[in-house]
Protein backbone atom coordinates (compact mmCIF):
# COMPACT_ATOMS: atom_id res chain seq x y z
CA MET A 1 32.61 -6.29 19.73
CA GLY A 2 34.31 -3.88 22.08
CA ILE A 3 36.63 -4.27 25.01
CA THR A 4 36.21 -7.65 26.64
CA ASP A 5 36.28 -8.25 30.37
CA LEU A 6 39.04 -10.36 31.88
CA THR A 7 38.22 -11.40 35.43
CA ARG A 8 40.65 -13.18 37.75
CA ARG A 9 38.81 -16.45 37.14
CA SER A 10 39.00 -16.11 33.37
CA PHE A 11 42.63 -14.95 33.63
CA LEU A 12 43.49 -18.19 35.40
CA ALA A 13 41.53 -20.11 32.77
CA VAL A 14 43.55 -18.41 30.05
CA GLY A 15 46.72 -19.72 31.61
CA THR A 16 45.25 -23.20 31.71
CA ALA A 17 44.11 -22.96 28.09
CA ALA A 18 47.47 -21.80 26.71
CA PRO A 19 49.01 -25.28 26.33
CA MET A 20 45.84 -26.54 24.62
CA LEU A 21 45.86 -23.57 22.26
CA ALA A 22 49.49 -24.23 21.39
CA GLN A 23 48.62 -27.86 20.66
CA ALA A 24 45.67 -26.78 18.48
CA ALA A 25 48.01 -24.54 16.48
CA GLU A 26 50.47 -27.39 16.07
CA GLU A 27 47.76 -29.79 14.89
CA TYR A 28 46.06 -27.35 12.50
CA ARG A 29 46.18 -28.28 8.82
CA ARG A 30 44.80 -25.89 6.26
CA PRO A 31 42.10 -27.49 4.08
CA ALA A 32 42.81 -27.96 0.41
CA GLY A 33 41.40 -25.26 -1.80
CA THR A 34 41.73 -21.71 -3.05
CA MET A 35 40.23 -18.56 -1.59
CA PRO A 36 37.68 -16.95 -3.93
CA THR A 37 38.01 -13.20 -4.35
CA ARG A 38 35.69 -10.34 -5.26
CA ILE A 39 36.21 -6.72 -6.34
CA LEU A 40 35.44 -4.35 -3.45
CA GLY A 41 33.08 -2.06 -5.32
CA LYS A 42 34.48 1.17 -6.73
CA THR A 43 37.75 0.76 -4.84
CA GLY A 44 38.76 -1.66 -7.57
CA VAL A 45 40.67 -3.72 -5.01
CA ARG A 46 40.32 -7.50 -5.16
CA VAL A 47 39.72 -8.90 -1.66
CA SER A 48 39.06 -12.32 -0.18
CA ALA A 49 35.45 -13.49 0.03
CA ILE A 50 35.81 -13.78 3.80
CA SER A 51 37.69 -11.24 5.87
CA LEU A 52 39.20 -11.33 9.33
CA GLY A 53 37.31 -9.23 11.87
CA CYS A 54 39.63 -8.47 14.76
CA GLY A 55 37.22 -7.21 17.38
CA SER A 56 36.94 -10.55 19.17
CA GLY A 57 38.15 -14.10 18.94
CA ALA A 58 41.72 -15.24 18.52
CA ILE A 59 43.20 -11.82 17.79
CA THR A 60 42.14 -10.12 21.02
CA ASP A 61 41.68 -13.12 23.28
CA TYR A 62 44.64 -15.43 22.67
CA PRO A 63 46.90 -15.31 25.73
CA SER A 64 50.03 -14.03 23.97
CA ASP A 65 51.00 -11.79 21.07
CA GLU A 66 52.95 -14.66 19.57
CA MET A 67 49.91 -16.98 19.50
CA ALA A 68 47.81 -14.23 17.96
CA ALA A 69 50.48 -13.56 15.32
CA GLN A 70 50.69 -17.24 14.45
CA PHE A 71 46.93 -17.32 13.96
CA ILE A 72 46.99 -14.18 11.79
CA HIS A 73 49.73 -15.71 9.62
CA GLN A 74 47.65 -18.86 9.12
CA CYS A 75 44.73 -16.69 8.00
CA LEU A 76 46.96 -14.89 5.50
CA ASP A 77 48.39 -18.18 4.25
CA ALA A 78 44.80 -19.38 3.72
CA GLY A 79 44.15 -16.46 1.38
CA ILE A 80 42.39 -13.98 3.67
CA SER A 81 43.43 -10.55 2.40
CA TYR A 82 41.03 -8.12 4.11
CA ILE A 83 41.70 -7.38 7.78
CA ASP A 84 39.47 -5.13 9.87
CA THR A 85 40.24 -3.66 13.27
CA ALA A 86 39.31 -0.56 15.28
CA ALA A 87 40.58 1.72 18.02
CA LEU A 88 37.85 0.26 20.24
CA TYR A 89 39.02 -3.34 19.97
CA GLY A 90 40.94 -4.79 22.87
CA ARG A 91 40.62 -5.99 26.45
CA LYS A 92 40.29 -4.08 29.67
CA ASP A 93 43.73 -5.30 30.69
CA ASP A 94 45.22 -4.69 27.23
CA ASP A 95 43.66 -1.64 25.58
CA ARG A 96 43.73 -1.57 21.75
CA ASN A 97 45.54 -4.89 21.65
CA SER A 98 43.87 -5.71 18.33
CA GLU A 99 45.73 -2.95 16.47
CA ARG A 100 48.94 -3.57 18.41
CA ARG A 101 48.95 -7.30 17.72
CA LEU A 102 48.19 -6.76 14.06
CA GLY A 103 51.06 -4.30 13.80
CA LYS A 104 53.48 -6.88 15.10
CA ALA A 105 52.04 -9.75 13.06
CA LEU A 106 51.96 -7.88 9.75
CA ALA A 107 55.61 -6.87 9.84
CA GLY A 108 56.97 -7.97 6.47
CA ARG A 109 53.51 -8.88 5.20
CA ARG A 110 51.76 -5.50 5.14
CA SER A 111 51.54 -5.45 1.34
CA GLN A 112 49.53 -8.69 1.34
CA VAL A 113 46.43 -7.22 2.99
CA TYR A 114 43.81 -4.53 2.72
CA LEU A 115 44.15 -3.08 6.23
CA ASN A 116 41.18 -1.20 7.65
CA THR A 117 40.64 0.44 11.01
CA LYS A 118 37.82 2.53 12.45
CA THR A 119 37.38 5.54 14.71
CA LEU A 120 34.53 6.40 17.07
CA LYS A 121 35.65 10.03 17.27
CA ARG A 122 33.40 12.56 15.55
CA LYS A 123 35.49 15.74 15.81
CA SER A 124 38.47 16.12 13.50
CA ASP A 125 41.05 16.90 16.20
CA GLU A 126 40.04 13.94 18.35
CA ALA A 127 39.83 11.66 15.33
CA MET A 128 43.29 12.74 14.18
CA ARG A 129 44.81 11.80 17.53
CA ASP A 130 42.98 8.47 17.36
CA ILE A 131 44.25 7.77 13.86
CA GLU A 132 47.82 8.75 14.74
CA THR A 133 47.71 6.17 17.53
CA SER A 134 46.28 3.58 15.13
CA LEU A 135 49.12 4.17 12.66
CA LYS A 136 51.68 3.80 15.44
CA LEU A 137 50.16 0.60 16.82
CA LEU A 138 49.69 -0.89 13.36
CA GLN A 139 53.30 0.00 12.53
CA THR A 140 52.44 1.60 9.23
CA ASP A 141 52.35 5.05 7.65
CA ARG A 142 49.36 4.30 5.43
CA LEU A 143 46.03 2.56 5.68
CA ASP A 144 43.88 1.14 2.94
CA GLY A 145 40.74 2.24 4.72
CA ILE A 146 39.37 4.08 7.72
CA GLN A 147 35.69 3.89 8.54
CA ILE A 148 33.55 6.12 10.72
CA HIS A 149 32.71 3.57 13.38
CA TRP A 150 29.14 2.76 14.33
CA ILE A 151 26.81 5.65 13.57
CA GLN A 152 23.96 5.55 16.09
CA GLU A 153 20.41 6.86 16.08
CA GLY A 154 19.82 9.54 18.69
CA LYS A 155 23.54 10.06 19.17
CA ASP A 156 25.02 11.09 15.83
CA ASP A 157 24.26 14.28 13.91
CA LEU A 158 24.98 13.11 10.37
CA ALA A 159 25.31 16.63 9.01
CA ALA A 160 27.94 17.50 11.64
CA LEU A 161 30.23 14.72 10.39
CA GLY A 162 30.84 16.74 7.23
CA ALA A 163 31.30 20.12 8.93
CA GLY A 164 34.68 21.84 8.95
CA ASP A 165 35.59 20.18 12.25
CA GLY A 166 33.88 16.86 11.46
CA VAL A 167 35.51 13.47 11.08
CA TYR A 168 34.39 12.98 7.48
CA THR A 169 36.08 16.23 6.48
CA LEU A 170 39.29 15.01 8.11
CA LEU A 171 39.12 11.67 6.30
CA ARG A 172 38.75 13.49 2.97
CA LYS A 173 41.94 15.43 3.75
CA LEU A 174 43.79 12.26 4.75
CA ARG A 175 42.69 10.62 1.52
CA ASP A 176 43.98 13.60 -0.46
CA GLN A 177 47.27 13.33 1.44
CA LYS A 178 47.41 9.58 0.64
CA VAL A 179 47.55 8.60 4.31
CA ILE A 180 44.46 6.52 3.55
CA ARG A 181 43.09 5.22 0.28
CA PHE A 182 39.40 4.78 1.04
CA ILE A 183 36.72 6.10 3.39
CA GLY A 184 33.92 4.03 4.89
CA VAL A 185 31.18 3.98 7.49
CA THR A 186 29.63 1.33 9.71
CA THR A 187 26.51 0.81 11.79
CA HIS A 188 24.94 -1.96 13.82
CA ASN A 189 21.38 -0.89 14.32
CA TRP A 190 20.42 2.18 12.30
CA VAL A 191 19.08 1.20 8.89
CA ASP A 192 17.57 4.58 8.06
CA GLY A 193 20.68 6.46 9.16
CA LEU A 194 22.92 4.33 6.97
CA SER A 195 20.61 4.80 4.00
CA ARG A 196 20.71 8.57 4.49
CA ILE A 197 24.42 8.98 5.15
CA VAL A 198 25.51 7.27 1.92
CA ASP A 199 23.42 9.85 0.06
CA MET A 200 25.05 12.69 1.97
CA TYR A 201 28.72 11.75 1.56
CA ASP A 202 31.02 9.95 -0.86
CA PHE A 203 31.87 6.65 0.80
CA ASP A 204 33.97 3.88 -0.71
CA THR A 205 32.93 1.09 1.69
CA VAL A 206 30.17 0.19 4.14
CA LEU A 207 30.24 -2.42 6.91
CA MET A 208 26.77 -3.47 8.07
CA PRO A 209 24.89 -6.46 9.54
CA LEU A 210 23.71 -8.97 6.96
CA ASN A 211 22.18 -12.25 8.02
CA ALA A 212 18.94 -14.16 7.59
CA VAL A 213 17.25 -12.39 10.54
CA LYS A 214 15.60 -9.17 9.36
CA SER A 215 12.91 -8.38 11.93
CA ARG A 216 15.00 -5.67 13.61
CA GLY A 217 16.74 -4.14 10.63
CA ASP A 218 16.45 -5.21 7.01
CA TYR A 219 19.76 -3.95 5.63
CA GLU A 220 19.47 -6.51 2.85
CA GLY A 221 16.25 -5.08 1.49
CA ALA A 222 16.52 -1.41 2.46
CA VAL A 223 20.21 -0.54 2.01
CA LEU A 224 22.06 -3.19 0.00
CA PRO A 225 20.46 -2.30 -3.39
CA LYS A 226 21.41 1.37 -2.91
CA LEU A 227 25.02 0.50 -2.07
CA LEU A 228 25.34 -1.67 -5.14
CA ASP A 229 23.84 1.07 -7.31
CA LYS A 230 26.44 3.51 -5.95
CA LYS A 231 29.18 0.87 -6.43
CA ILE A 232 30.10 1.09 -2.75
CA GLY A 233 32.11 -1.83 -1.42
CA VAL A 234 29.85 -3.95 0.79
CA LEU A 235 31.26 -5.73 3.83
CA ALA A 236 28.89 -7.94 5.80
CA MET A 237 29.18 -8.34 9.57
CA LYS A 238 27.10 -10.24 12.13
CA VAL A 239 26.69 -12.94 9.52
CA LEU A 240 26.61 -15.52 12.33
CA GLY A 241 24.52 -13.31 14.60
CA GLY A 242 27.39 -11.63 16.43
CA MET A 243 28.95 -12.52 19.74
CA GLY A 244 28.24 -11.73 23.36
CA MET A 245 31.08 -10.95 25.71
CA ASN A 246 33.68 -13.51 24.75
CA ASN A 247 36.73 -14.29 26.88
CA ARG A 248 39.39 -16.77 25.93
CA ILE A 249 38.68 -19.45 28.53
CA ALA A 250 39.19 -22.63 26.53
CA VAL A 251 40.77 -24.02 23.39
CA GLU A 252 37.51 -23.36 21.51
CA SER A 253 35.74 -20.01 21.67
CA ALA A 254 32.03 -19.62 22.30
CA PRO A 255 29.75 -20.01 19.27
CA ALA A 256 28.09 -16.99 17.68
CA LYS A 257 24.53 -16.15 18.67
CA LEU A 258 22.75 -17.88 15.77
CA VAL A 259 24.98 -20.97 15.77
CA GLY A 260 23.67 -24.11 17.43
CA THR A 261 21.25 -27.02 17.21
CA GLU A 262 18.43 -25.43 19.22
CA MET A 263 15.28 -23.97 17.74
CA GLY A 264 16.00 -20.70 15.95
CA LYS A 265 19.65 -21.53 15.31
CA THR A 266 21.61 -23.28 12.58
CA SER A 267 25.18 -24.14 11.59
CA ALA A 268 27.89 -21.55 11.04
CA SER A 269 28.44 -22.91 7.54
CA THR A 270 24.78 -22.39 6.63
CA LEU A 271 24.84 -18.81 7.91
CA LEU A 272 28.09 -18.01 6.12
CA ARG A 273 26.78 -19.55 2.93
CA TYR A 274 23.68 -17.34 3.17
CA ALA A 275 25.78 -14.17 3.47
CA LEU A 276 28.13 -15.12 0.65
CA SER A 277 25.13 -15.82 -1.58
CA LEU A 278 24.16 -12.15 -1.35
CA PRO A 279 25.77 -9.62 -3.74
CA ILE A 280 28.36 -8.57 -1.15
CA HIS A 281 32.10 -8.27 -1.55
CA SER A 282 33.34 -9.87 1.66
CA ALA A 283 31.88 -11.45 4.80
CA GLU A 284 33.70 -10.31 7.91
CA ILE A 285 34.07 -12.94 10.62
CA GLY A 286 35.57 -12.76 14.10
CA ILE A 287 37.25 -16.15 13.81
CA GLY A 288 37.79 -17.49 17.30
CA ASP A 289 40.02 -20.54 16.95
CA TYR A 290 41.53 -23.06 14.54
CA ARG A 291 38.41 -25.20 14.48
CA GLN A 292 36.34 -22.23 13.36
CA LEU A 293 38.99 -21.25 10.82
CA THR A 294 38.93 -24.76 9.35
CA GLU A 295 35.13 -24.76 9.15
CA ASP A 296 35.03 -21.35 7.47
CA LEU A 297 37.72 -22.30 4.95
CA ASN A 298 36.00 -25.55 4.04
CA LEU A 299 32.82 -23.62 3.26
CA VAL A 300 34.39 -20.79 1.30
CA TYR A 301 36.82 -22.99 -0.64
CA ASN A 302 33.89 -25.10 -1.82
CA PHE A 303 31.27 -22.36 -1.95
CA LYS A 304 28.05 -22.94 -3.84
CA PRO A 305 25.48 -20.12 -3.71
CA MET A 306 22.12 -20.64 -2.06
CA SER A 307 19.10 -20.31 -4.28
CA GLU A 308 16.57 -17.60 -3.50
CA SER A 309 14.22 -20.32 -2.29
CA GLU A 310 16.86 -21.67 0.12
CA ARG A 311 17.54 -18.19 1.48
CA LYS A 312 13.83 -17.58 2.08
CA THR A 313 13.45 -20.93 3.82
CA LEU A 314 16.36 -20.16 6.14
CA ALA A 315 15.02 -16.68 6.89
CA TYR A 316 11.65 -18.15 7.77
CA SER A 317 13.21 -20.72 10.13
CA LEU A 318 15.07 -17.90 11.94
CA ARG A 319 12.22 -15.39 11.94
CA GLY A 320 11.97 -15.30 15.75
CA SER A 321 15.71 -15.25 16.46
CA ALA A 322 16.35 -11.50 16.68
CA THR A 323 16.09 -11.64 20.48
CA LEU A 324 19.18 -13.89 20.55
CA MET A 325 21.43 -11.24 19.04
CA ALA A 326 23.00 -8.66 21.35
CA TYR A 327 23.41 -5.94 18.74
CA THR A 328 19.65 -5.69 18.18
CA GLN A 329 18.91 -5.03 21.86
CA PRO A 330 18.39 -1.63 23.53
CA GLY A 331 21.51 -0.49 25.34
CA TYR A 332 23.96 -2.42 23.15
CA THR A 333 27.32 -0.77 23.76
CA HIS A 334 29.95 -2.78 21.88
CA GLY A 335 30.93 -1.80 18.38
């Protein structure tokens, strides 16, 4: 999810929602249970089974930094230890507010999380300026990971990324200088490109779509086995189908694209259970509010893997649902 639009109407709605959001925070009670953890591939780092994606939801859309920080702290207290952001994430009226809010919220708690950001820049000089801004906003002098954000078919020259002035070459230097620990890459809709790039370069982590809908990109079948063979840390996104443009206009955020009771949809818990039943290391979720946080925690605290038969049945029931998901459509522009 990229920069979200904030119209005058939705701005007024934000102001109306603020008291309800404050009440929701006051009434929130963390479910009983313990967060399961998994080793993030060859990084050797133990991370939470679900991670906090900060491209949409409470982090970018809550009406104040303080409300966002309170939500982040509740996620940390619940055992979430992997946090993902990007230079792209923010609102039109508050550019890069995801990194900025995280920087404020993680003061005094930085050591508790694996902190990852991403850059869309492909040239080393532009990427360096981007990363310097990220470090400033995140109020840190080191990052656990930086990923090359959203490689795209027809736009990215994969070989150029590793040239002398390419972003991958820069990230290797920053890793040698211990500014970052690990290097990763992400994509939304280029299965073949992702499969090729992990053969070209030495990546520690990959963030890619993984859900039960495979008709427009079978990362599960075509890429996941290769990543596991290379011991690359696998982070799943779009596990609930991804979001559309999502403004904070009420106490509860809009549901993800595959969540609902209509034909071709199912519950968030079922979709999250599917993703966690795959051999991944963490499922990244853009948690939108305290109700969603409670639902996600209840599932992960009491997680029982789906059988292969259950996964196939779910995939069959969602076989026509690709058209619901924005990231599979031509012209998708939000990373």
